[in-house]
Amino acid sequence: MRKPRDYDAELKALDDKAKVLKVRRLEQLGQLVMATGADALPIEQLAGALLIAIEQKDVAAAEAQRARGAAFFRAAKRAGRSASGNGEISEANDGAAPSSAAPERTS
């Protein structure tokens, strides 16, 4: 005879996992803001820049933003490899939110 499933325990485990993922996502977002230097901006300006990015309808402009973001992460990964000395990226700098060696921002 099969053991009955404990749906309540499974739902609680899934809920706990979702909470952990949400906290991790918020932490990574904060790390990203700091790594890009955007933490120096007034909060209203940062919010405005994010809203402009979300409202972007021009496909070419959106692609240019995506490419610039990808280049930022590639540069941060290379800097992480050279800083660690062994060719590996530290767990804290896995590309999700680089925290060191941010490239210079251009206006």
Protein backbone atom coordinates (compact mmCIF):
# COMPACT_ATOMS: atom_id res chain seq x y z
CA MET A 1 0.00 0.00 0.00
CA ARG A 2 1.29 3.46 -0.91
CA LYS A 3 2.04 6.07 1.66
CA PRO A 4 -0.37 9.01 1.33
CA ARG A 5 1.16 12.31 0.22
CA ASP A 6 1.32 15.12 2.70
CA TYR A 7 0.08 17.96 0.50
CA ASP A 8 0.21 20.49 3.33
CA ALA A 9 3.90 19.78 3.97
CA GLU A 10 4.67 19.95 0.24
CA LEU A 11 2.86 23.29 -0.09
CA LYS A 12 4.67 24.66 2.95
CA ALA A 13 8.03 23.56 1.51
CA LEU A 14 7.21 25.24 -1.81
CA ASP A 15 6.10 28.40 -0.02
CA ASP A 16 9.33 28.46 2.01
CA LYS A 17 11.38 27.99 -1.16
CA ALA A 18 9.50 30.83 -2.88
CA LYS A 19 10.22 33.14 0.07
CA VAL A 20 13.94 32.29 -0.05
CA LEU A 21 14.04 32.94 -3.81
CA LYS A 22 12.27 36.29 -3.38
CA VAL A 23 14.75 37.39 -0.70
CA ARG A 24 17.69 36.29 -2.87
CA ARG A 25 16.28 38.21 -5.85
CA LEU A 26 15.93 41.38 -3.77
CA GLU A 27 19.50 41.01 -2.48
CA GLN A 28 20.81 40.54 -6.01
CA LEU A 29 18.90 43.60 -7.20
CA GLY A 30 20.49 45.65 -4.44
CA GLN A 31 23.92 44.28 -5.33
CA LEU A 32 23.33 45.16 -8.98
CA VAL A 33 22.37 48.73 -8.09
CA MET A 34 25.54 49.07 -6.04
CA ALA A 35 27.79 47.40 -8.63
CA THR A 36 26.64 49.75 -11.37
CA GLY A 37 27.12 52.78 -9.15
CA ALA A 38 23.43 53.60 -9.35
CA ASP A 39 23.26 53.76 -5.55
CA ALA A 40 24.83 57.23 -5.86
CA LEU A 41 21.77 58.50 -7.74
CA PRO A 42 18.79 60.05 -5.98
CA ILE A 43 16.09 57.40 -5.58
CA GLU A 44 13.68 59.37 -7.77
CA GLN A 45 16.21 59.48 -10.64
CA LEU A 46 16.90 55.75 -10.34
CA ALA A 47 13.17 54.99 -10.36
CA GLY A 48 12.73 57.23 -13.41
CA ALA A 49 15.53 55.48 -15.29
CA LEU A 50 13.99 52.08 -14.54
CA LEU A 51 10.56 53.26 -15.67
CA ILE A 52 12.03 54.59 -18.92
CA ALA A 53 13.68 51.20 -19.52
CA ILE A 54 10.43 49.35 -18.86
CA GLU A 55 8.41 51.65 -21.12
CA GLN A 56 10.94 51.34 -23.96
CA LYS A 57 9.07 50.49 -27.17
CA ASP A 58 11.98 50.95 -29.60
CA VAL A 59 13.37 47.47 -30.26
CA ALA A 60 16.77 48.79 -31.35
CA ALA A 61 17.14 50.89 -28.20
CA ALA A 62 16.07 47.99 -26.00
CA GLU A 63 18.61 45.73 -27.74
CA ALA A 64 21.32 48.35 -27.22
CA GLN A 65 20.47 48.45 -23.51
CA ARG A 66 20.56 44.66 -23.32
CA ALA A 67 23.93 44.53 -25.09
CA ARG A 68 25.38 47.15 -22.75
CA GLY A 69 24.15 45.20 -19.73
CA ALA A 70 25.64 41.97 -21.08
CA ALA A 71 28.96 43.74 -21.68
CA PHE A 72 28.87 45.01 -18.08
CA PHE A 73 28.50 41.48 -16.75
CA ARG A 74 31.21 40.11 -19.05
CA ALA A 75 33.63 42.82 -17.90
CA ALA A 76 32.77 42.13 -14.26
CA LYS A 77 33.28 38.38 -14.75
CA ARG A 78 36.70 38.96 -16.34
CA ALA A 79 37.66 41.25 -13.47
CA GLY A 80 36.44 38.61 -11.00
CA ARG A 81 38.57 35.92 -12.64
CA SER A 82 41.71 38.02 -12.61
CA ALA A 83 41.12 39.07 -9.01
CA SER A 84 40.61 35.50 -7.77
CA GLY A 85 43.81 34.31 -9.44
CA ASN A 86 42.59 30.78 -10.12
CA GLY A 87 40.34 31.43 -13.11
CA GLU A 88 37.17 30.91 -11.13
CA ILE A 89 34.54 33.42 -10.18
CA SER A 90 33.71 33.56 -6.51
CA GLU A 91 30.23 32.46 -5.45
CA ALA A 92 29.38 36.00 -4.40
CA ASN A 93 30.24 37.22 -7.91
CA ASP A 94 28.54 34.61 -10.09
CA GLY A 95 27.39 37.08 -12.72
CA ALA A 96 24.00 37.66 -11.17
CA ALA A 97 25.11 40.84 -9.48
CA PRO A 98 28.78 41.68 -9.73
CA SER A 99 30.00 43.48 -6.65
CA SER A 100 33.52 44.51 -7.61
CA ALA A 101 35.48 46.05 -10.43
CA ALA A 102 32.53 47.78 -12.03
CA PRO A 103 33.49 49.41 -15.32
CA GLU A 104 33.41 53.18 -15.52
CA ARG A 105 30.01 54.67 -16.28
CA THR A 106 29.68 57.03 -19.19
CA SER A 107 26.96 59.64 -19.39
